[in-house]
C-alpha atoms as a PDB file:
ATOM      1  CA  MET A   1      60.164 -96.586 -20.141  1.00  0.00           C
ATOM      2  CA  SER A   2      62.353 -94.831 -17.596  1.00  0.00           C
ATOM      3  CA  HIS A   3      60.894 -93.986 -14.108  1.00  0.00           C
ATOM      4  CA  SER A   4      60.698 -90.426 -14.298  1.00  0.00           C
ATOM      5  CA  SER A   5      58.861 -90.484 -17.685  1.00  0.00           C
ATOM      6  CA  VAL A   6      56.465 -93.310 -16.335  1.00  0.00           C
ATOM      7  CA  GLY A   7      55.081 -90.936 -13.894  1.00  0.00           C
ATOM      8  CA  ARG A   8      55.067 -87.850 -15.881  1.00  0.00           C
ATOM      9  CA  ALA A   9      53.046 -90.177 -18.114  1.00  0.00           C
ATOM     10  CA  GLU A  10      50.951 -90.934 -15.550  1.00  0.00           C
ATOM     11  CA  ALA A  11      50.828 -87.398 -14.885  1.00  0.00           C
ATOM     12  CA  PHE A  12      49.658 -86.015 -18.380  1.00  0.00           C
ATOM     13  CA  GLN A  13      47.347 -88.914 -18.602  1.00  0.00           C
ATOM     14  CA  GLU A  14      45.217 -87.006 -14.982  1.00  0.00           C
ATOM     15  CA  LEU A  15      45.484 -84.100 -15.912  1.00  0.00           C
ATOM     16  CA  SER A  16      44.459 -84.831 -19.932  1.00  0.00           C
ATOM     17  CA  ARG A  17      41.208 -85.660 -17.919  1.00  0.00           C
ATOM     18  CA  SER A  18      40.922 -82.836 -15.633  1.00  0.00           C
ATOM     19  CA  HIS A  19      41.762 -80.232 -18.130  1.00  0.00           C
ATOM     20  CA  PRO A  20      42.570 -81.373 -22.026  1.00  0.00           C
ATOM     21  CA  GLU A  21      43.893 -78.812 -22.909  1.00  0.00           C
ATOM     22  CA  PRO A  22      46.508 -77.587 -20.727  1.00  0.00           C
ATOM     23  CA  ALA A  23      47.750 -81.167 -20.506  1.00  0.00           C
ATOM     24  CA  VAL A  24      48.747 -80.828 -23.903  1.00  0.00           C
ATOM     25  CA  PHE A  25      50.209 -77.514 -23.606  1.00  0.00           C
ATOM     26  CA  ILE A  26      52.824 -79.389 -20.922  1.00  0.00           C
ATOM     27  CA  GLU A  27      53.020 -81.906 -22.658  1.00  0.00           C
ATOM     28  CA  ALA A  28      54.164 -80.371 -24.692  1.00  0.00           C
ATOM     29  CA  GLN A  29      57.189 -78.366 -22.244  1.00  0.00           C
ATOM     30  CA  THR A  30      58.108 -81.816 -21.400  1.00  0.00           C
ATOM     31  CA  VAL A  31      59.041 -83.184 -24.246  1.00  0.00           C
ATOM     32  CA  ALA A  32      60.835 -80.121 -24.909  1.00  0.00           C
ATOM     33  CA  MET A  33      62.893 -80.002 -22.527  1.00  0.00           C
ATOM     34  CA  GLU A  34      64.160 -84.047 -23.150  1.00  0.00           C
ATOM     35  CA  PRO A  35      66.643 -83.855 -25.763  1.00  0.00           C
ATOM     36  CA  ALA A  36      68.564 -81.904 -23.718  1.00  0.00           C
ATOM     37  CA  CYS A  37      69.237 -84.554 -21.550  1.00  0.00           C
ATOM     38  CA  ARG A  38      69.948 -86.674 -23.748  1.00  0.00           C
ATOM     39  CA  LYS A  39      73.427 -87.080 -25.789  1.00  0.00           C
ATOM     40  CA  ASP A  40      73.186 -85.989 -29.583  1.00  0.00           C
ATOM     41  CA  LYS A  41      74.011 -88.808 -32.607  1.00  0.00           C
ATOM     42  CA  PRO A  42      76.609 -87.949 -33.970  1.00  0.00           C
ATOM     43  CA  LYS A  43      76.662 -86.756 -37.086  1.00  0.00           C
ATOM     44  CA  LEU A  44      76.858 -87.505 -40.147  1.00  0.00           C
ATOM     45  CA  ASN A  45      79.872 -86.750 -42.685  1.00  0.00           C
ATOM     46  CA  SER A  46      78.432 -84.951 -45.556  1.00  0.00           C
ATOM     47  CA  THR A  47      81.689 -83.686 -47.096  1.00  0.00           C
ATOM     48  CA  PRO A  48      82.009 -84.879 -50.476  1.00  0.00           C
ATOM     49  CA  THR A  49      84.403 -87.109 -51.454  1.00  0.00           C
ATOM     50  CA  ARG A  50      87.290 -86.458 -53.949  1.00  0.00           C
ATOM     51  CA  GLY A  51      85.130 -87.529 -57.194  1.00  0.00           C
ATOM     52  CA  ASP A  52      81.949 -85.937 -56.037  1.00  0.00           C
ATOM     53  CA  ARG A  53      83.913 -81.995 -56.019  1.00  0.00           C
ATOM     54  CA  ALA A  54      85.592 -83.620 -59.634  1.00  0.00           C
ATOM     55  CA  LYS A  55      82.240 -83.821 -60.813  1.00  0.00           C
ATOM     56  CA  GLN A  56      80.508 -80.995 -59.361  1.00  0.00           C
ATOM     57  CA  ARG A  57      83.847 -78.742 -60.769  1.00  0.00           C
ATOM     58  CA  SER A  58      83.308 -80.236 -64.842  1.00  0.00           C
ATOM     59  CA  ALA A  59      79.335 -79.990 -64.336  1.00  0.00           C
ATOM     60  CA  GLN A  60      79.922 -76.662 -63.218  1.00  0.00           C
ATOM     61  CA  GLN A  61      82.528 -75.862 -66.627  1.00  0.00           C
ATOM     62  CA  GLU A  62      80.367 -77.282 -69.204  1.00  0.00           C
ATOM     63  CA  LEU A  63      77.406 -74.516 -67.139  1.00  0.00           C
ATOM     64  CA  LYS A  64      79.598 -71.928 -67.907  1.00  0.00           C
ATOM     65  CA  GLN A  65      81.229 -72.636 -71.007  1.00  0.00           C
ATOM     66  CA  ARG A  66      77.420 -73.464 -72.333  1.00  0.00           C
ATOM     67  CA  GLN A  67      76.021 -69.670 -71.476  1.00  0.00           C
ATOM     68  CA  ARG A  68      78.647 -68.564 -72.402  1.00  0.00           C
ATOM     69  CA  ALA A  69      78.444 -69.955 -75.769  1.00  0.00           C
ATOM     70  CA  GLU A  70      74.469 -68.761 -75.443  1.00  0.00           C
ATOM     71  CA  ILE A  71      75.620 -64.792 -74.778  1.00  0.00           C
ATOM     72  CA  TYR A  72      77.484 -65.476 -77.591  1.00  0.00           C
ATOM     73  CA  ALA A  73      74.716 -66.402 -79.517  1.00  0.00           C
ATOM     74  CA  LEU A  74      72.376 -63.441 -78.716  1.00  0.00           C
ATOM     75  CA  ASN A  75      74.758 -60.904 -78.600  1.00  0.00           C
ATOM     76  CA  LYS A  76      75.505 -62.257 -82.577  1.00  0.00           C
ATOM     77  CA  VAL A  77      71.529 -62.225 -83.078  1.00  0.00           C
ATOM     78  CA  MET A  78      70.929 -58.889 -81.766  1.00  0.00           C
ATOM     79  CA  THR A  79      73.895 -57.052 -83.199  1.00  0.00           C
ATOM     80  CA  GLU A  80      72.537 -58.594 -86.636  1.00  0.00           C
ATOM     81  CA  LEU A  81      68.580 -56.912 -85.304  1.00  0.00           C
ATOM     82  CA  GLU A  82      70.497 -53.724 -84.104  1.00  0.00           C
ATOM     83  CA  GLN A  83      72.094 -52.957 -88.383  1.00  0.00           C
ATOM     84  CA  GLN A  84      69.256 -54.502 -90.051  1.00  0.00           C
ATOM     85  CA  GLN A  85      66.721 -51.451 -87.906  1.00  0.00           C
ATOM     86  CA  PHE A  86      69.878 -49.212 -88.567  1.00  0.00           C
ATOM     87  CA  GLU A  87      69.558 -49.343 -92.293  1.00  0.00           C
ATOM     88  CA  ALA A  88      65.764 -49.277 -92.646  1.00  0.00           C
ATOM     89  CA  PHE A  89      66.514 -46.752 -89.924  1.00  0.00           C
ATOM     90  CA  CYS A  90      68.871 -44.540 -92.825  1.00  0.00           C
ATOM     91  CA  LYS A  91      66.564 -45.872 -95.768  1.00  0.00           C
ATOM     92  CA  GLN A  92      63.518 -44.084 -93.945  1.00  0.00           C
ATOM     93  CA  MET A  93      65.221 -41.240 -93.319  1.00  0.00           C
ATOM     94  CA  GLN A  94      66.755 -41.561 -97.744  1.00  0.00           C
ATOM     95  CA  SER A  95      63.296 -41.298 -98.512  1.00  0.00           C
ATOM     96  CA  GLN A  96      62.100 -38.181 -96.614  1.00  0.00           C
ATOM     97  CA  GLY A  97      64.359 -36.301 -97.463  1.00  0.00           C
ATOM     98  CA  GLU A  98      63.794 -36.569-100.754  1.00  0.00           C
END
């Protein structure tokens, strides 16, 4: 611990004995101010590698192909259903006309 942080710790202990609630507030303010003085840690390199990008692109293409196949299958089912309903409607209209 540095000299200033020892002084803060002693002041915090003294305040917490006499005023427990404000001491917590003062400690929170002190802790919040300290990181601005320290050097920031270097950020980790999070950019994807060439292999990761290729895998991601391949997975995206597979997803699109699967979704497209599902859409075509759904479209086929809906077209067949529509045709069945139309034929049923035509039969109903013919029977009513007679």
